[in-house]
Amino acid sequence: MKILVRGGGDLASAVIHKLWRSGFKVLVCELPFPSCVRLTVSFCNAITEGQWEIEGARGILIKDLSEIDDCFARKEIPVSTMPEEKLIEFFRPDVFIDATVSKRARDFDKNFADLVIGLGPNIMAGRDAHVVVETKRGHFLGSLIYDGFAAPNTGIPGDVDGFTNDRVLRAPQAGRVHQLRSIGDTVEKGEPVCRVGDEDVLATVPGVIRGLIAEGYEARQGLKIGDIDPRNDLRHCYSISDKGRTIAGGVLEAILHHLAAGGYPDFSCND
């Protein structure tokens, strides 16, 4: 089974990693300059580094369609910034997964593949995708939705040791990001972490830098550009999160259900 995953950020990469370990052929489609923060656990980091490894799985940046099968033969994950339409036409995926968890208007539908899966809100199961996976933390995280939408995005980060919004770094103005510290560094509250344009961005809580947007990224004002983990556990910087693993489990369940059932019945009220 061939799977095309749109997106190479940390949640998408949790899905990619689980599907790769489960034996599927996974191709990743990403933007040339993704706004990813948790770079150490994101396959999109292969775009700037050439290759990137996450918990034993290696993503390889490819420049030509002929490289896809070569990656699979080496048990690697091809990562591409080529136009999505070109990849779909050549690869002809059995499963298409929108793992961007973005707020953009939907630009895909159930015709993209035999099975289309969407992560998070703003995707209507039964219309845009065959199934949607819940991405909001809580009791229903990772559950499958066959009709309707996932819970809306609250915009409030998950609670870590009592910190929510406080642990997230945002661009104070529009401008190019210059890193002053690196993922894995320990900082105290008030220490500079990066600079956007001519303005320093200071650590809002003490802890370890778990996420930091790529050097040179052109950020818009208010964009999330960093993440500080007050638990101070360096392992969290280099491993897939509990949220990511739960969502990935939901995606795998959706695929296995599809295989077992021989395709999804149409649960939508109005297609």
Protein backbone atom coordinates (compact mmCIF):
# COMPACT_ATOMS: atom_id res chain seq x y z
CA MET A 1 0.00 0.00 0.00
CA LYS A 2 1.34 3.42 -1.03
CA ILE A 3 0.66 6.40 1.19
CA LEU A 4 1.16 10.09 0.39
CA VAL A 5 1.35 12.34 3.45
CA ARG A 6 0.92 16.08 2.99
CA GLY A 7 3.03 17.74 5.67
CA GLY A 8 6.28 16.96 7.43
CA GLY A 9 5.89 18.71 10.79
CA ASP A 10 6.03 16.99 14.17
CA LEU A 11 2.48 15.57 14.21
CA ALA A 12 2.71 14.55 10.57
CA SER A 13 6.08 12.95 11.27
CA ALA A 14 4.62 10.92 14.14
CA VAL A 15 2.13 9.52 11.62
CA ILE A 16 4.83 8.97 8.99
CA HIS A 17 7.06 7.18 11.49
CA LYS A 18 4.33 4.78 12.65
CA LEU A 19 3.25 3.95 9.09
CA TRP A 20 6.88 3.40 8.05
CA ARG A 21 7.45 1.07 11.00
CA SER A 22 4.24 -0.77 10.06
CA GLY A 23 5.66 -1.58 6.63
CA PHE A 24 3.89 0.92 4.38
CA LYS A 25 5.54 2.86 1.57
CA VAL A 26 5.26 6.48 2.67
CA LEU A 27 6.00 9.52 0.49
CA VAL A 28 6.08 12.96 2.12
CA CYS A 29 5.04 16.16 0.32
CA GLU A 30 6.06 19.44 1.95
CA LEU A 31 6.48 23.13 1.20
CA PRO A 32 9.99 24.39 0.36
CA PHE A 33 9.97 26.59 3.51
CA PRO A 34 7.72 24.96 6.13
CA SER A 35 6.89 26.86 9.34
CA CYS A 36 7.90 23.94 11.52
CA VAL A 37 9.03 24.52 15.11
CA ARG A 38 9.87 21.04 16.44
CA LEU A 39 12.53 20.49 13.80
CA THR A 40 14.36 17.69 15.62
CA VAL A 41 11.32 15.41 15.31
CA SER A 42 10.09 16.58 11.89
CA PHE A 43 10.96 14.94 8.59
CA CYS A 44 10.61 18.33 6.88
CA ASN A 45 14.03 19.08 8.37
CA ALA A 46 15.40 16.91 5.55
CA ILE A 47 14.61 19.81 3.21
CA THR A 48 17.46 21.90 4.63
CA GLU A 49 19.67 19.08 5.91
CA GLY A 50 19.37 16.67 2.97
CA GLN A 51 18.31 13.86 5.28
CA TRP A 52 16.89 13.58 8.77
CA GLU A 53 16.46 10.67 11.16
CA ILE A 54 13.76 10.27 13.79
CA GLU A 55 13.85 7.27 16.12
CA GLY A 56 15.51 5.02 13.56
CA ALA A 57 13.56 6.20 10.51
CA ARG A 58 15.44 8.23 7.91
CA GLY A 59 13.83 10.78 5.62
CA ILE A 60 15.70 11.70 2.43
CA LEU A 61 15.13 14.82 0.34
CA ILE A 62 14.52 13.82 -3.26
CA LYS A 63 14.77 16.04 -6.33
CA ASP A 64 13.51 13.60 -8.97
CA LEU A 65 10.60 11.17 -9.15
CA SER A 66 12.97 8.31 -10.01
CA GLU A 67 14.43 8.53 -6.51
CA ILE A 68 11.20 7.43 -4.82
CA ASP A 69 11.62 3.71 -5.47
CA ASP A 70 15.32 3.93 -4.60
CA CYS A 71 14.37 5.26 -1.16
CA PHE A 72 11.85 2.48 -0.63
CA ALA A 73 14.44 -0.12 -1.64
CA ARG A 74 16.74 1.27 1.10
CA LYS A 75 13.80 1.36 3.57
CA GLU A 76 13.98 5.15 3.69
CA ILE A 77 11.28 7.81 3.50
CA PRO A 78 11.34 10.11 0.45
CA VAL A 79 10.61 13.76 1.25
CA SER A 80 9.71 16.03 -1.66
CA THR A 81 8.96 19.69 -2.31
CA MET A 82 7.83 18.95 -5.87
CA PRO A 83 4.26 19.98 -6.78
CA GLU A 84 1.72 17.72 -5.10
CA GLU A 85 -0.18 17.14 -8.35
CA LYS A 86 2.99 15.80 -9.96
CA LEU A 87 3.60 13.43 -7.06
CA ILE A 88 0.02 12.12 -7.09
CA GLU A 89 0.07 11.54 -10.84
CA PHE A 90 3.34 9.59 -10.64
CA PHE A 91 2.92 7.81 -7.29
CA ARG A 92 -0.82 7.07 -7.49
CA PRO A 93 -1.25 6.66 -3.73
CA ASP A 94 -3.76 4.25 -2.22
CA VAL A 95 -4.05 6.56 0.80
CA PHE A 96 -3.82 10.36 0.95
CA ILE A 97 -3.34 11.99 4.36
CA ASP A 98 -3.61 15.71 4.99
CA ALA A 99 -1.44 16.00 8.11
CA THR A 100 -0.86 19.75 8.01
CA VAL A 101 -3.48 20.53 10.70
CA SER A 102 -3.78 23.93 9.03
CA LYS A 103 -6.48 26.57 9.06
CA ARG A 104 -6.49 26.90 5.27
CA ALA A 105 -9.57 26.17 3.20
CA ARG A 106 -9.74 22.56 2.07
CA ASP A 107 -8.19 21.96 -1.35
CA PHE A 108 -8.62 18.19 -1.53
CA ASP A 109 -11.51 15.72 -1.52
CA LYS A 110 -12.29 12.01 -1.38
CA ASN A 111 -11.23 11.54 -4.99
CA PHE A 112 -7.55 12.04 -4.17
CA ALA A 113 -7.16 8.35 -3.26
CA ASP A 114 -9.12 5.22 -2.39
CA LEU A 115 -8.81 6.33 1.25
CA VAL A 116 -8.46 9.99 2.26
CA ILE A 117 -7.68 10.85 5.89
CA GLY A 118 -7.61 14.31 7.45
CA LEU A 119 -6.13 15.39 10.76
CA GLY A 120 -7.90 17.93 12.94
CA PRO A 121 -10.57 20.60 12.48
CA ASN A 122 -11.90 22.28 9.32
CA ILE A 123 -12.03 18.95 7.44
CA MET A 124 -15.48 17.42 6.99
CA ALA A 125 -15.56 13.65 7.20
CA GLY A 126 -17.82 12.30 4.50
CA ARG A 127 -17.25 15.28 2.22
CA ASP A 128 -13.56 16.25 2.22
CA ALA A 129 -12.19 12.97 3.58
CA HIS A 130 -13.44 9.47 4.32
CA VAL A 131 -12.33 9.80 7.92
CA VAL A 132 -10.98 12.53 10.21
CA VAL A 133 -8.73 11.95 13.21
CA GLU A 134 -9.31 14.04 16.33
CA THR A 135 -6.25 16.15 17.24
CA LYS A 136 -7.53 18.06 20.29
CA ARG A 137 -5.99 16.89 23.56
CA GLY A 138 -8.41 15.18 25.91
CA HIS A 139 -10.60 12.13 26.10
CA PHE A 140 -11.21 11.86 22.33
CA LEU A 141 -7.67 12.50 21.09
CA GLY A 142 -6.90 10.08 18.24
CA SER A 143 -10.51 8.96 17.78
CA LEU A 144 -11.98 8.47 14.31
CA ILE A 145 -14.76 10.65 12.93
CA TYR A 146 -16.76 9.39 9.93
CA ASP A 147 -19.33 12.18 9.72
CA GLY A 148 -18.74 15.84 10.54
CA PHE A 149 -15.81 17.73 12.01
CA ALA A 150 -13.18 17.33 14.67
CA ALA A 151 -13.25 19.71 17.65
CA PRO A 152 -12.30 23.32 16.82
CA ASN A 153 -8.77 24.49 17.52
CA THR A 154 -8.78 26.55 20.73
CA GLY A 155 -5.38 28.09 20.02
CA ILE A 156 -4.30 27.24 23.57
CA PRO A 157 -1.23 24.96 23.79
CA GLY A 158 -1.39 21.84 25.93
CA ASP A 159 -0.68 22.20 29.64
CA VAL A 160 2.91 21.28 30.56
CA ASP A 161 3.64 21.57 34.28
CA GLY A 162 0.99 24.27 34.59
CA PHE A 163 2.21 26.31 31.60
CA THR A 164 0.18 26.77 28.40
CA ASN A 165 0.54 30.01 26.42
CA ASP A 166 3.51 31.02 28.57
CA ARG A 167 5.78 28.35 27.11
CA VAL A 168 5.20 29.32 23.46
CA LEU A 169 7.39 31.91 21.73
CA ARG A 170 5.76 34.08 19.06
CA ALA A 171 7.17 36.57 16.59
CA PRO A 172 6.77 40.09 18.04
CA GLN A 173 6.86 41.55 14.55
CA ALA A 174 7.23 40.45 10.96
CA GLY A 175 10.81 39.71 9.95
CA ARG A 176 13.56 37.19 9.42
CA VAL A 177 14.39 34.83 12.29
CA HIS A 178 17.94 34.61 13.58
CA GLN A 179 18.58 31.86 16.12
CA LEU A 180 20.55 32.87 19.22
CA ARG A 181 20.12 29.51 20.93
CA SER A 182 19.45 25.96 19.72
CA ILE A 183 16.93 23.22 20.38
CA GLY A 184 18.11 21.33 23.45
CA ASP A 185 19.60 24.40 25.16
CA THR A 186 18.50 25.22 28.71
CA VAL A 187 17.38 28.81 29.29
CA GLU A 188 16.18 30.94 32.16
CA LYS A 189 13.19 33.23 31.95
CA GLY A 190 14.15 36.49 30.24
CA GLU A 191 17.13 35.11 28.30
CA PRO A 192 17.17 35.80 24.54
CA VAL A 193 16.34 32.74 22.42
CA CYS A 194 16.19 34.23 18.93
CA ARG A 195 15.74 37.52 17.10
CA VAL A 196 13.01 38.51 14.66
CA GLY A 197 14.12 41.43 12.56
CA ASP A 198 15.81 43.75 15.07
CA GLU A 199 13.88 42.55 18.13
CA ASP A 200 15.01 39.85 20.57
CA VAL A 201 12.57 37.15 21.62
CA LEU A 202 13.03 36.27 25.30
CA ALA A 203 12.34 33.01 27.09
CA THR A 204 8.98 33.31 28.81
CA VAL A 205 9.57 30.43 31.25
CA PRO A 206 12.67 28.53 32.43
CA GLY A 207 13.29 25.18 30.76
CA VAL A 208 14.73 23.46 27.72
CA ILE A 209 14.14 24.76 24.18
CA ARG A 210 12.06 21.98 22.61
CA GLY A 211 11.22 23.78 19.38
CA LEU A 212 12.67 26.65 17.35
CA ILE A 213 11.79 27.68 13.81
CA ALA A 214 14.49 27.42 11.12
CA GLU A 215 17.22 30.02 10.78
CA GLY A 216 16.30 32.67 8.22
CA TYR A 217 12.56 31.94 8.20
CA GLU A 218 10.47 34.98 7.24
CA ALA A 219 7.96 35.11 10.07
CA ARG A 220 4.73 37.04 10.22
CA GLN A 221 3.79 38.83 13.42
CA GLY A 222 2.28 36.49 15.99
CA LEU A 223 3.57 33.29 14.34
CA LYS A 224 4.63 30.52 16.71
CA ILE A 225 8.41 30.35 16.40
CA GLY A 226 9.50 28.46 19.51
CA ASP A 227 8.52 26.19 22.37
CA ILE A 228 10.08 25.89 25.84
CA ASP A 229 9.52 22.75 27.92
CA PRO A 230 9.60 23.55 31.66
CA ARG A 231 10.10 19.86 32.53
CA ASN A 232 13.75 20.25 31.50
CA ASP A 233 13.96 16.70 30.10
CA LEU A 234 16.29 16.71 27.08
CA ARG A 235 14.74 13.46 25.79
CA HIS A 236 11.54 15.35 24.94
CA CYS A 237 13.45 17.37 22.33
CA TYR A 238 14.39 14.29 20.31
CA SER A 239 11.42 11.96 20.64
CA ILE A 240 7.88 11.84 19.27
CA SER A 241 5.31 13.32 21.68
CA ASP A 242 2.48 11.45 23.39
CA LYS A 243 0.01 13.50 21.33
CA GLY A 244 1.77 12.57 18.10
CA ARG A 245 1.81 8.86 18.94
CA THR A 246 -1.90 8.88 19.81
CA ILE A 247 -2.85 10.62 16.56
CA ALA A 248 -0.61 8.25 14.60
CA GLY A 249 -2.37 5.31 16.23
CA GLY A 250 -5.69 6.70 15.04
CA VAL A 251 -4.40 6.97 11.47
CA LEU A 252 -3.11 3.40 11.53
CA GLU A 253 -6.46 2.22 12.89
CA ALA A 254 -8.26 4.02 10.05
CA ILE A 255 -6.08 2.31 7.44
CA LEU A 256 -6.45 -1.14 8.98
CA HIS A 257 -10.20 -0.69 9.24
CA HIS A 258 -10.27 0.27 5.57
CA LEU A 259 -8.33 -2.88 4.67
CA ALA A 260 -10.48 -5.12 6.83
CA ALA A 261 -13.78 -3.68 5.60
CA GLY A 262 -12.79 -3.52 1.95
CA GLY A 263 -13.50 0.21 1.79
CA TYR A 264 -15.59 2.68 3.76
CA PRO A 265 -19.37 2.87 3.57
CA ASP A 266 -20.62 6.38 2.99
CA PHE A 267 -21.55 7.74 6.44
CA SER A 268 -22.18 11.31 5.27
CA CYS A 269 -25.68 12.77 5.39
CA ASN A 270 -25.15 14.87 2.28
CA ASP A 271 -22.22 14.06 0.01
